[in-house]
């Protein structure tokens, strides 16, 4: 919690510190908006703090100055993606007046809202489901992890990566070389080039690397048994996934959606699924418990092999 408090302007810090213990245990987001009270989302509920005391532009500016160490230009590349990653792997989403050069987004002129997404590790959250990722012959199933916002897709796939990298005993899996293509820096929560979250001792991380280049580079130079990446859904993904599979590399990745049918509304994902690129699909629940698994499909047999619907 101290790593977050020290990033906040004085007024905001005083407000947030009143609930520091609860925030440390259960908060998932701290939202700061000009002319609005501090708003905190917890795992099970959400609250406005300090009896509706509204934040000023000065409060936001002071926090931004602390976060960027008074050098916002040093963070231009991250800001163009709409966020800043800080020590501990926490991510600060930005809102305000957008600046464009032609059709190219360049950043913000006035930042008027911040969303501090609190990075958390849930070691072992995938433990009960690892048997669905590997075969009795030590092969890894090509797996798509599907979930809506806040369902814990990134947390879940991070734990899968760590387990596949280190190996596990039930069922027995020796562990293998993993390449993590972390296009948005979320899986390993990189800060200053160093992963803030544990991703395994046999894992190589390519942070802020475009998915296409990351897949091609890792296959050519890192020799992974499996590649783990963040969300699919763009035009290039069909060719990228196809190249990896033809190279004999397995893939575990994520997609945004509530179900398989929901994912297929994306024309690129529909094409990938209809070409049978994936063996398994893990569907996460939309619930107050991140990383909760709803169903697992065997896509090759068109069969549900695990269900916790309720």
C-alpha atoms as a PDB file:
ATOM      1  CA  UNK A   1       0.000   0.000   0.000  1.00  0.00           C
ATOM      2  CA  UNK A   2       2.912   2.354   0.729  1.00  0.00           C
ATOM      3  CA  UNK A   3       4.017   2.101  -2.901  1.00  0.00           C
ATOM      4  CA  UNK A   4       0.662   3.589  -3.923  1.00  0.00           C
ATOM      5  CA  UNK A   5       0.330   6.191  -1.148  1.00  0.00           C
ATOM      6  CA  UNK A   6       3.693   7.734  -1.986  1.00  0.00           C
ATOM      7  CA  UNK A   7       2.473   8.410  -5.552  1.00  0.00           C
ATOM      8  CA  UNK A   8      -0.504  10.495  -4.461  1.00  0.00           C
ATOM      9  CA  UNK A   9      -0.739  14.231  -3.943  1.00  0.00           C
ATOM     10  CA  UNK A  10      -1.006  15.331  -0.308  1.00  0.00           C
ATOM     11  CA  UNK A  11      -4.756  15.902  -0.266  1.00  0.00           C
ATOM     12  CA  UNK A  12      -5.510  12.589  -1.991  1.00  0.00           C
ATOM     13  CA  UNK A  13      -3.009  10.730   0.192  1.00  0.00           C
ATOM     14  CA  UNK A  14      -4.695  11.995   3.345  1.00  0.00           C
ATOM     15  CA  UNK A  15      -8.080  10.793   2.087  1.00  0.00           C
ATOM     16  CA  UNK A  16      -6.929   7.382   0.886  1.00  0.00           C
ATOM     17  CA  UNK A  17      -4.799   6.617   3.946  1.00  0.00           C
ATOM     18  CA  UNK A  18      -7.942   6.551   6.110  1.00  0.00           C
ATOM     19  CA  UNK A  19      -8.841   3.232   4.474  1.00  0.00           C
ATOM     20  CA  UNK A  20      -5.303   1.988   3.828  1.00  0.00           C
ATOM     21  CA  UNK A  21      -5.726  -1.421   5.479  1.00  0.00           C
ATOM     22  CA  UNK A  22      -8.940  -2.213   3.635  1.00  0.00           C
ATOM     23  CA  UNK A  23      -7.493  -0.910   0.375  1.00  0.00           C
ATOM     24  CA  UNK A  24      -4.385  -3.061   0.810  1.00  0.00           C
ATOM     25  CA  UNK A  25      -6.520  -6.180   1.300  1.00  0.00           C
ATOM     26  CA  UNK A  26      -9.321  -5.743  -1.208  1.00  0.00           C
ATOM     27  CA  UNK A  27      -9.104  -2.685  -3.479  1.00  0.00           C
ATOM     28  CA  UNK A  28      -8.766  -3.253  -7.216  1.00  0.00           C
ATOM     29  CA  UNK A  29      -8.995   0.356  -8.438  1.00  0.00           C
ATOM     30  CA  UNK A  30      -8.598   3.867  -7.033  1.00  0.00           C
ATOM     31  CA  UNK A  31     -10.299   6.374  -9.332  1.00  0.00           C
ATOM     32  CA  UNK A  32      -9.435  10.063  -9.172  1.00  0.00           C
ATOM     33  CA  UNK A  33     -11.517  12.551 -11.157  1.00  0.00           C
ATOM     34  CA  UNK A  34     -11.601  16.348 -11.191  1.00  0.00           C
ATOM     35  CA  UNK A  35     -14.737  17.643  -9.405  1.00  0.00           C
ATOM     36  CA  UNK A  36     -15.519  14.174  -8.004  1.00  0.00           C
ATOM     37  CA  UNK A  37     -14.715  12.439  -4.712  1.00  0.00           C
ATOM     38  CA  UNK A  38     -12.072   9.723  -4.489  1.00  0.00           C
ATOM     39  CA  UNK A  39     -13.775   6.548  -5.703  1.00  0.00           C
ATOM     40  CA  UNK A  40     -12.484   3.107  -4.684  1.00  0.00           C
ATOM     41  CA  UNK A  41     -13.543  -0.220  -6.178  1.00  0.00           C
ATOM     42  CA  UNK A  42     -13.133  -3.254  -3.982  1.00  0.00           C
ATOM     43  CA  UNK A  43     -13.522  -6.918  -4.883  1.00  0.00           C
ATOM     44  CA  UNK A  44     -17.108  -6.956  -3.594  1.00  0.00           C
ATOM     45  CA  UNK A  45     -18.245  -3.320  -3.460  1.00  0.00           C
ATOM     46  CA  UNK A  46     -17.256   0.289  -4.135  1.00  0.00           C
ATOM     47  CA  UNK A  47     -17.278   3.544  -2.164  1.00  0.00           C
ATOM     48  CA  UNK A  48     -16.869   7.310  -2.498  1.00  0.00           C
ATOM     49  CA  UNK A  49     -14.540   8.605   0.207  1.00  0.00           C
ATOM     50  CA  UNK A  50     -14.439  11.575   2.577  1.00  0.00           C
ATOM     51  CA  UNK A  51     -18.107  12.529   2.466  1.00  0.00           C
ATOM     52  CA  UNK A  52     -18.012  13.603  -1.146  1.00  0.00           C
ATOM     53  CA  UNK A  53     -15.038  15.998  -0.901  1.00  0.00           C
ATOM     54  CA  UNK A  54     -14.296  16.815  -4.536  1.00  0.00           C
ATOM     55  CA  UNK A  55     -10.840  16.696  -6.074  1.00  0.00           C
ATOM     56  CA  UNK A  56      -9.367  19.673  -7.880  1.00  0.00           C
ATOM     57  CA  UNK A  57      -7.262  19.840 -11.024  1.00  0.00           C
ATOM     58  CA  UNK A  58      -4.374  20.761  -8.702  1.00  0.00           C
ATOM     59  CA  UNK A  59      -4.797  17.425  -6.871  1.00  0.00           C
ATOM     60  CA  UNK A  60      -4.564  15.524 -10.168  1.00  0.00           C
ATOM     61  CA  UNK A  61      -1.610  17.593 -11.412  1.00  0.00           C
ATOM     62  CA  UNK A  62       0.270  17.051  -8.149  1.00  0.00           C
ATOM     63  CA  UNK A  63      -0.210  13.287  -8.416  1.00  0.00           C
ATOM     64  CA  UNK A  64       0.929  13.253 -12.056  1.00  0.00           C
ATOM     65  CA  UNK A  65       4.054  15.223 -11.111  1.00  0.00           C
ATOM     66  CA  UNK A  66       4.932  12.673  -8.431  1.00  0.00           C
ATOM     67  CA  UNK A  67       4.234   9.683 -10.689  1.00  0.00           C
ATOM     68  CA  UNK A  68       6.395  11.071 -13.521  1.00  0.00           C
ATOM     69  CA  UNK A  69       9.040  12.560 -11.225  1.00  0.00           C
ATOM     70  CA  UNK A  70       8.278  15.983 -12.742  1.00  0.00           C
ATOM     71  CA  UNK A  71       9.284  14.721 -16.187  1.00  0.00           C
ATOM     72  CA  UNK A  72       6.111  13.781 -18.010  1.00  0.00           C
ATOM     73  CA  UNK A  73       7.967  13.785 -21.348  1.00  0.00           C
ATOM     74  CA  UNK A  74       9.975  10.754 -20.176  1.00  0.00           C
ATOM     75  CA  UNK A  75       6.708   8.806 -20.150  1.00  0.00           C
ATOM     76  CA  UNK A  76       5.446   9.901 -23.580  1.00  0.00           C
ATOM     77  CA  UNK A  77       5.557   6.416 -25.089  1.00  0.00           C
ATOM     78  CA  UNK A  78       3.489   4.893 -22.288  1.00  0.00           C
ATOM     79  CA  UNK A  79       1.113   7.833 -22.211  1.00  0.00           C
ATOM     80  CA  UNK A  80       0.380   7.323 -25.917  1.00  0.00           C
ATOM     81  CA  UNK A  81      -1.038   3.951 -24.842  1.00  0.00           C
ATOM     82  CA  UNK A  82      -3.218   5.669 -22.263  1.00  0.00           C
ATOM     83  CA  UNK A  83      -1.449   4.619 -19.078  1.00  0.00           C
ATOM     84  CA  UNK A  84       1.686   4.747 -16.946  1.00  0.00           C
ATOM     85  CA  UNK A  85       3.124   1.673 -15.194  1.00  0.00           C
ATOM     86  CA  UNK A  86       4.698   2.314 -11.799  1.00  0.00           C
ATOM     87  CA  UNK A  87       6.816   0.343  -9.344  1.00  0.00           C
ATOM     88  CA  UNK A  88       4.966  -2.695  -8.053  1.00  0.00           C
ATOM     89  CA  UNK A  89       3.312  -3.251 -11.424  1.00  0.00           C
ATOM     90  CA  UNK A  90       0.403  -0.924 -10.691  1.00  0.00           C
ATOM     91  CA  UNK A  91      -1.022   0.764 -13.773  1.00  0.00           C
ATOM     92  CA  UNK A  92      -2.395   4.289 -13.900  1.00  0.00           C
ATOM     93  CA  UNK A  93      -4.935   4.870 -16.652  1.00  0.00           C
ATOM     94  CA  UNK A  94      -5.321   8.425 -17.927  1.00  0.00           C
ATOM     95  CA  UNK A  95      -8.215  10.569 -19.097  1.00  0.00           C
ATOM     96  CA  UNK A  96      -8.371  14.151 -20.354  1.00  0.00           C
ATOM     97  CA  UNK A  97      -7.976  16.315 -23.466  1.00  0.00           C
ATOM     98  CA  UNK A  98      -6.511  14.161 -26.237  1.00  0.00           C
ATOM     99  CA  UNK A  99      -3.859  15.488 -28.631  1.00  0.00           C
ATOM    100  CA  UNK A 100      -3.604  14.222 -32.217  1.00  0.00           C
ATOM    101  CA  UNK A 101      -1.232  14.777 -35.115  1.00  0.00           C
ATOM    102  CA  UNK A 102      -3.396  13.877 -38.074  1.00  0.00           C
ATOM    103  CA  UNK A 103      -4.889  10.508 -37.137  1.00  0.00           C
ATOM    104  CA  UNK A 104      -2.080   9.674 -34.704  1.00  0.00           C
ATOM    105  CA  UNK A 105      -2.781   9.991 -30.963  1.00  0.00           C
ATOM    106  CA  UNK A 106       0.118  11.779 -29.279  1.00  0.00           C
ATOM    107  CA  UNK A 107      -0.982  12.137 -25.662  1.00  0.00           C
ATOM    108  CA  UNK A 108      -2.926  14.435 -23.346  1.00  0.00           C
ATOM    109  CA  UNK A 109      -2.935  18.208 -22.975  1.00  0.00           C
ATOM    110  CA  UNK A 110      -4.872  18.229 -19.716  1.00  0.00           C
ATOM    111  CA  UNK A 111      -5.122  15.120 -17.554  1.00  0.00           C
ATOM    112  CA  UNK A 112      -8.357  15.248 -15.561  1.00  0.00           C
ATOM    113  CA  UNK A 113      -8.799  11.673 -14.351  1.00  0.00           C
ATOM    114  CA  UNK A 114      -6.615   8.820 -13.148  1.00  0.00           C
ATOM    115  CA  UNK A 115      -7.492   5.172 -12.648  1.00  0.00           C
ATOM    116  CA  UNK A 116      -4.962   3.420 -10.432  1.00  0.00           C
ATOM    117  CA  UNK A 117      -5.367  -0.284 -11.160  1.00  0.00           C
ATOM    118  CA  UNK A 118      -3.818  -2.159  -8.272  1.00  0.00           C
ATOM    119  CA  UNK A 119      -1.675  -5.071  -9.434  1.00  0.00           C
ATOM    120  CA  UNK A 120      -2.121  -8.217  -7.398  1.00  0.00           C
ATOM    121  CA  UNK A 121      -0.682 -11.679  -7.596  1.00  0.00           C
ATOM    122  CA  UNK A 122      -2.856 -14.686  -6.793  1.00  0.00           C
ATOM    123  CA  UNK A 123      -0.245 -17.466  -6.666  1.00  0.00           C
ATOM    124  CA  UNK A 124      -1.851 -20.811  -7.308  1.00  0.00           C
ATOM    125  CA  UNK A 125      -5.065 -19.438  -8.834  1.00  0.00           C
ATOM    126  CA  UNK A 126      -4.623 -21.778 -11.824  1.00  0.00           C
ATOM    127  CA  UNK A 127      -3.432 -24.768  -9.758  1.00  0.00           C
ATOM    128  CA  UNK A 128      -6.679 -26.752  -9.904  1.00  0.00           C
ATOM    129  CA  UNK A 129      -6.912 -26.322 -13.673  1.00  0.00           C
ATOM    130  CA  UNK A 130      -3.359 -27.103 -14.810  1.00  0.00           C
ATOM    131  CA  UNK A 131      -4.428 -30.626 -15.768  1.00  0.00           C
ATOM    132  CA  UNK A 132      -6.492 -29.094 -18.564  1.00  0.00           C
ATOM    133  CA  UNK A 133      -3.435 -27.370 -20.066  1.00  0.00           C
ATOM    134  CA  UNK A 134      -1.156 -30.394 -20.519  1.00  0.00           C
ATOM    135  CA  UNK A 135      -1.534 -33.904 -21.897  1.00  0.00           C
ATOM    136  CA  UNK A 136      -0.253 -37.168 -20.442  1.00  0.00           C
ATOM    137  CA  UNK A 137       2.595 -36.943 -22.975  1.00  0.00           C
ATOM    138  CA  UNK A 138       3.834 -33.589 -21.612  1.00  0.00           C
ATOM    139  CA  UNK A 139       2.333 -31.678 -24.509  1.00  0.00           C
ATOM    140  CA  UNK A 140       0.739 -28.278 -23.951  1.00  0.00           C
ATOM    141  CA  UNK A 141      -2.732 -27.671 -25.309  1.00  0.00           C
ATOM    142  CA  UNK A 142      -3.218 -24.535 -27.369  1.00  0.00           C
ATOM    143  CA  UNK A 143      -5.546 -22.668 -25.052  1.00  0.00           C
ATOM    144  CA  UNK A 144      -7.676 -19.542 -25.271  1.00  0.00           C
ATOM    145  CA  UNK A 145      -8.583 -17.907 -21.950  1.00  0.00           C
ATOM    146  CA  UNK A 146     -11.794 -15.902 -22.298  1.00  0.00           C
ATOM    147  CA  UNK A 147     -13.227 -13.432 -19.824  1.00  0.00           C
ATOM    148  CA  UNK A 148     -14.990 -10.072 -19.456  1.00  0.00           C
ATOM    149  CA  UNK A 149     -13.313  -7.014 -17.887  1.00  0.00           C
ATOM    150  CA  UNK A 150     -12.169  -7.507 -14.265  1.00  0.00           C
ATOM    151  CA  UNK A 151     -12.512 -11.304 -14.501  1.00  0.00           C
ATOM    152  CA  UNK A 152      -8.788 -11.835 -13.905  1.00  0.00           C
ATOM    153  CA  UNK A 153      -7.624 -12.966 -17.360  1.00  0.00           C
ATOM    154  CA  UNK A 154      -4.186 -11.421 -16.957  1.00  0.00           C
ATOM    155  CA  UNK A 155      -3.759 -12.708 -13.399  1.00  0.00           C
ATOM    156  CA  UNK A 156      -4.820 -16.196 -14.438  1.00  0.00           C
ATOM    157  CA  UNK A 157      -2.572 -16.409 -17.501  1.00  0.00           C
ATOM    158  CA  UNK A 158       0.364 -15.072 -15.450  1.00  0.00           C
ATOM    159  CA  UNK A 159      -0.054 -17.928 -12.988  1.00  0.00           C
ATOM    160  CA  UNK A 160      -0.349 -20.444 -15.838  1.00  0.00           C
ATOM    161  CA  UNK A 161       2.891 -19.073 -17.306  1.00  0.00           C
ATOM    162  CA  UNK A 162       4.723 -19.397 -13.988  1.00  0.00           C
ATOM    163  CA  UNK A 163       3.546 -22.972 -13.490  1.00  0.00           C
ATOM    164  CA  UNK A 164       4.379 -24.118 -17.017  1.00  0.00           C
ATOM    165  CA  UNK A 165       7.779 -22.471 -16.693  1.00  0.00           C
ATOM    166  CA  UNK A 166       8.628 -23.964 -13.290  1.00  0.00           C
ATOM    167  CA  UNK A 167       6.833 -27.280 -13.673  1.00  0.00           C
ATOM    168  CA  UNK A 168       4.335 -28.879 -11.305  1.00  0.00           C
ATOM    169  CA  UNK A 169       3.525 -32.218  -9.745  1.00  0.00           C
ATOM    170  CA  UNK A 170      -0.220 -32.787 -10.180  1.00  0.00           C
ATOM    171  CA  UNK A 171      -0.226 -33.846 -12.935  1.00  0.00           C
ATOM    172  CA  UNK A 172       3.517 -34.183 -13.384  1.00  0.00           C
ATOM    173  CA  UNK A 173       4.997 -31.616 -15.776  1.00  0.00           C
ATOM    174  CA  UNK A 174       8.722 -30.996 -16.028  1.00  0.00           C
ATOM    175  CA  UNK A 175       8.525 -27.310 -16.911  1.00  0.00           C
ATOM    176  CA  UNK A 176       9.658 -25.735 -20.167  1.00  0.00           C
ATOM    177  CA  UNK A 177      10.960 -22.599 -21.858  1.00  0.00           C
ATOM    178  CA  UNK A 178       8.237 -19.984 -22.186  1.00  0.00           C
ATOM    179  CA  UNK A 179       8.189 -16.757 -24.189  1.00  0.00           C
ATOM    180  CA  UNK A 180       5.798 -14.109 -22.892  1.00  0.00           C
ATOM    181  CA  UNK A 181       4.817 -11.505 -25.483  1.00  0.00           C
ATOM    182  CA  UNK A 182       3.662  -8.794 -23.107  1.00  0.00           C
ATOM    183  CA  UNK A 183       2.436  -6.187 -25.584  1.00  0.00           C
ATOM    184  CA  UNK A 184       0.964  -3.889 -22.931  1.00  0.00           C
ATOM    185  CA  UNK A 185       3.282  -4.795 -20.064  1.00  0.00           C
ATOM    186  CA  UNK A 186       0.414  -6.254 -18.047  1.00  0.00           C
ATOM    187  CA  UNK A 187       1.323  -9.929 -17.693  1.00  0.00           C
ATOM    188  CA  UNK A 188       4.687  -9.397 -16.019  1.00  0.00           C
ATOM    189  CA  UNK A 189       3.963  -5.797 -14.911  1.00  0.00           C
ATOM    190  CA  UNK A 190       7.353  -4.535 -16.064  1.00  0.00           C
ATOM    191  CA  UNK A 191       8.795  -1.435 -14.407  1.00  0.00           C
ATOM    192  CA  UNK A 192      12.257  -0.176 -15.304  1.00  0.00           C
ATOM    193  CA  UNK A 193      12.765  -3.282 -17.432  1.00  0.00           C
ATOM    194  CA  UNK A 194      12.213  -5.636 -14.486  1.00  0.00           C
ATOM    195  CA  UNK A 195       9.066  -7.819 -14.150  1.00  0.00           C
ATOM    196  CA  UNK A 196       7.263  -6.879 -10.937  1.00  0.00           C
ATOM    197  CA  UNK A 197       5.224 -10.094 -11.001  1.00  0.00           C
ATOM    198  CA  UNK A 198       6.597 -13.632 -10.922  1.00  0.00           C
ATOM    199  CA  UNK A 199       6.314 -15.379 -14.300  1.00  0.00           C
ATOM    200  CA  UNK A 200       8.597 -18.403 -13.838  1.00  0.00           C
ATOM    201  CA  UNK A 201      12.287 -19.244 -13.937  1.00  0.00           C
ATOM    202  CA  UNK A 202      12.255 -20.479 -17.546  1.00  0.00           C
ATOM    203  CA  UNK A 203      10.324 -17.497 -18.920  1.00  0.00           C
ATOM    204  CA  UNK A 204      11.653 -14.870 -21.339  1.00  0.00           C
ATOM    205  CA  UNK A 205       9.624 -11.651 -21.443  1.00  0.00           C
ATOM    206  CA  UNK A 206       9.321  -9.345 -24.447  1.00  0.00           C
ATOM    207  CA  UNK A 207       7.668  -6.288 -22.951  1.00  0.00           C
ATOM    208  CA  UNK A 208       5.832  -3.604 -24.954  1.00  0.00           C
ATOM    209  CA  UNK A 209       6.554  -5.626 -28.076  1.00  0.00           C
ATOM    210  CA  UNK A 210       3.987  -5.814 -30.866  1.00  0.00           C
ATOM    211  CA  UNK A 211       2.461  -9.271 -30.910  1.00  0.00           C
ATOM    212  CA  UNK A 212       3.433 -10.080 -34.502  1.00  0.00           C
ATOM    213  CA  UNK A 213       7.094  -9.117 -34.055  1.00  0.00           C
ATOM    214  CA  UNK A 214       7.208 -10.765 -30.649  1.00  0.00           C
ATOM    215  CA  UNK A 215       5.989 -14.111 -31.934  1.00  0.00           C
ATOM    216  CA  UNK A 216       8.388 -14.095 -34.873  1.00  0.00           C
ATOM    217  CA  UNK A 217      11.402 -12.974 -32.823  1.00  0.00           C
ATOM    218  CA  UNK A 218      10.864 -15.433 -29.993  1.00  0.00           C
ATOM    219  CA  UNK A 219      10.389 -18.404 -32.332  1.00  0.00           C
ATOM    220  CA  UNK A 220      13.539 -17.527 -34.265  1.00  0.00           C
ATOM    221  CA  UNK A 221      15.796 -16.756 -31.319  1.00  0.00           C
ATOM    222  CA  UNK A 222      14.408 -17.965 -27.977  1.00  0.00           C
ATOM    223  CA  UNK A 223      13.216 -21.478 -28.918  1.00  0.00           C
ATOM    224  CA  UNK A 224      10.174 -21.593 -26.633  1.00  0.00           C
ATOM    225  CA  UNK A 225       7.995 -24.652 -26.195  1.00  0.00           C
ATOM    226  CA  UNK A 226       5.050 -22.305 -25.703  1.00  0.00           C
ATOM    227  CA  UNK A 227       4.253 -18.642 -26.247  1.00  0.00           C
ATOM    228  CA  UNK A 228       1.976 -16.795 -23.855  1.00  0.00           C
ATOM    229  CA  UNK A 229       0.486 -13.484 -24.913  1.00  0.00           C
ATOM    230  CA  UNK A 230      -2.191 -10.980 -24.073  1.00  0.00           C
ATOM    231  CA  UNK A 231      -5.404 -10.472 -26.009  1.00  0.00           C
ATOM    232  CA  UNK A 232      -5.963 -11.624 -29.569  1.00  0.00           C
ATOM    233  CA  UNK A 233      -8.463  -9.887 -31.808  1.00  0.00           C
ATOM    234  CA  UNK A 234      -6.645  -7.950 -34.548  1.00  0.00           C
ATOM    235  CA  UNK A 235      -6.240  -8.502 -38.271  1.00  0.00           C
ATOM    236  CA  UNK A 236      -2.626  -9.743 -37.943  1.00  0.00           C
ATOM    237  CA  UNK A 237      -3.410 -12.397 -35.349  1.00  0.00           C
ATOM    238  CA  UNK A 238      -4.515 -15.134 -37.782  1.00  0.00           C
ATOM    239  CA  UNK A 239      -1.167 -15.152 -39.578  1.00  0.00           C
ATOM    240  CA  UNK A 240       0.768 -14.783 -36.319  1.00  0.00           C
ATOM    241  CA  UNK A 241      -0.931 -17.723 -34.607  1.00  0.00           C
ATOM    242  CA  UNK A 242      -0.720 -19.852 -37.748  1.00  0.00           C
ATOM    243  CA  UNK A 243       3.028 -19.203 -38.020  1.00  0.00           C
ATOM    244  CA  UNK A 244       3.606 -20.255 -34.425  1.00  0.00           C
ATOM    245  CA  UNK A 245       1.612 -23.466 -34.757  1.00  0.00           C
ATOM    246  CA  UNK A 246       3.357 -24.405 -38.014  1.00  0.00           C
ATOM    247  CA  UNK A 247       6.663 -23.857 -36.193  1.00  0.00           C
ATOM    248  CA  UNK A 248       5.653 -26.418 -33.572  1.00  0.00           C
ATOM    249  CA  UNK A 249       5.186 -23.850 -30.793  1.00  0.00           C
ATOM    250  CA  UNK A 250       2.121 -24.000 -28.570  1.00  0.00           C
ATOM    251  CA  UNK A 251       0.086 -20.915 -27.671  1.00  0.00           C
ATOM    252  CA  UNK A 252      -1.798 -19.783 -24.601  1.00  0.00           C
ATOM    253  CA  UNK A 253      -3.482 -16.414 -24.924  1.00  0.00           C
ATOM    254  CA  UNK A 254      -6.554 -14.434 -23.936  1.00  0.00           C
ATOM    255  CA  UNK A 255      -9.612 -12.912 -25.567  1.00  0.00           C
ATOM    256  CA  UNK A 256     -12.214 -10.474 -24.340  1.00  0.00           C
ATOM    257  CA  UNK A 257     -15.745 -11.832 -23.973  1.00  0.00           C
ATOM    258  CA  UNK A 258     -18.323 -13.546 -21.821  1.00  0.00           C
ATOM    259  CA  UNK A 259     -18.489 -16.747 -23.878  1.00  0.00           C
ATOM    260  CA  UNK A 260     -17.242 -18.447 -27.029  1.00  0.00           C
ATOM    261  CA  UNK A 261     -20.154 -17.023 -28.981  1.00  0.00           C
ATOM    262  CA  UNK A 262     -19.314 -13.576 -27.679  1.00  0.00           C
ATOM    263  CA  UNK A 263     -15.692 -13.928 -28.813  1.00  0.00           C
ATOM    264  CA  UNK A 264     -16.843 -15.007 -32.282  1.00  0.00           C
ATOM    265  CA  UNK A 265     -18.488 -11.604 -32.759  1.00  0.00           C
ATOM    266  CA  UNK A 266     -14.950 -10.452 -33.548  1.00  0.00           C
ATOM    267  CA  UNK A 267     -14.494 -11.506 -37.184  1.00  0.00           C
ATOM    268  CA  UNK A 268     -10.769 -12.201 -36.719  1.00  0.00           C
ATOM    269  CA  UNK A 269     -11.339 -14.386 -33.664  1.00  0.00           C
ATOM    270  CA  UNK A 270     -14.172 -16.187 -35.433  1.00  0.00           C
ATOM    271  CA  UNK A 271     -11.791 -17.074 -38.277  1.00  0.00           C
ATOM    272  CA  UNK A 272      -9.111 -18.288 -35.851  1.00  0.00           C
ATOM    273  CA  UNK A 273     -11.580 -20.485 -33.939  1.00  0.00           C
ATOM    274  CA  UNK A 274     -13.188 -21.888 -37.076  1.00  0.00           C
ATOM    275  CA  UNK A 275      -9.747 -22.937 -38.322  1.00  0.00           C
ATOM    276  CA  UNK A 276      -9.299 -25.059 -35.181  1.00  0.00           C
ATOM    277  CA  UNK A 277      -6.130 -23.311 -34.030  1.00  0.00           C
ATOM    278  CA  UNK A 278      -7.027 -23.925 -30.374  1.00  0.00           C
ATOM    279  CA  UNK A 279      -7.539 -27.151 -28.441  1.00  0.00           C
ATOM    280  CA  UNK A 280      -9.083 -25.720 -25.295  1.00  0.00           C
ATOM    281  CA  UNK A 281     -11.049 -22.670 -24.186  1.00  0.00           C
ATOM    282  CA  UNK A 282     -11.154 -21.582 -20.544  1.00  0.00           C
ATOM    283  CA  UNK A 283     -14.093 -19.289 -19.720  1.00  0.00           C
ATOM    284  CA  UNK A 284     -13.725 -17.086 -16.645  1.00  0.00           C
ATOM    285  CA  UNK A 285     -16.717 -15.882 -14.672  1.00  0.00           C
ATOM    286  CA  UNK A 286     -17.965 -12.343 -14.380  1.00  0.00           C
ATOM    287  CA  UNK A 287     -18.023 -12.311 -10.595  1.00  0.00           C
ATOM    288  CA  UNK A 288     -16.641 -10.704  -7.461  1.00  0.00           C
ATOM    289  CA  UNK A 289     -13.920 -13.333  -7.380  1.00  0.00           C
ATOM    290  CA  UNK A 290     -11.221 -12.718 -10.011  1.00  0.00           C
ATOM    291  CA  UNK A 291      -9.815 -15.791 -11.842  1.00  0.00           C
ATOM    292  CA  UNK A 292     -12.906 -17.931 -11.108  1.00  0.00           C
ATOM    293  CA  UNK A 293     -13.339 -20.501 -13.889  1.00  0.00           C
ATOM    294  CA  UNK A 294     -16.836 -20.998 -15.264  1.00  0.00           C
ATOM    295  CA  UNK A 295     -16.287 -23.611 -17.985  1.00  0.00           C
ATOM    296  CA  UNK A 296     -13.579 -25.332 -19.968  1.00  0.00           C
ATOM    297  CA  UNK A 297     -14.230 -26.559 -23.491  1.00  0.00           C
ATOM    298  CA  UNK A 298     -12.423 -29.200 -25.501  1.00  0.00           C
ATOM    299  CA  UNK A 299     -12.719 -27.402 -28.836  1.00  0.00           C
ATOM    300  CA  UNK A 300     -11.534 -30.344 -30.908  1.00  0.00           C
ATOM    301  CA  UNK A 301     -14.256 -32.614 -29.514  1.00  0.00           C
ATOM    302  CA  UNK A 302     -16.783 -29.776 -29.108  1.00  0.00           C
ATOM    303  CA  UNK A 303     -17.363 -30.817 -25.528  1.00  0.00           C
ATOM    304  CA  UNK A 304     -17.500 -29.168 -22.103  1.00  0.00           C
ATOM    305  CA  UNK A 305     -14.903 -30.894 -19.904  1.00  0.00           C
ATOM    306  CA  UNK A 306     -15.329 -28.735 -16.809  1.00  0.00           C
ATOM    307  CA  UNK A 307     -18.272 -26.693 -15.548  1.00  0.00           C
ATOM    308  CA  UNK A 308     -18.933 -24.554 -12.508  1.00  0.00           C
ATOM    309  CA  UNK A 309     -21.988 -22.702 -13.754  1.00  0.00           C
ATOM    310  CA  UNK A 310     -23.904 -21.105 -10.978  1.00  0.00           C
END
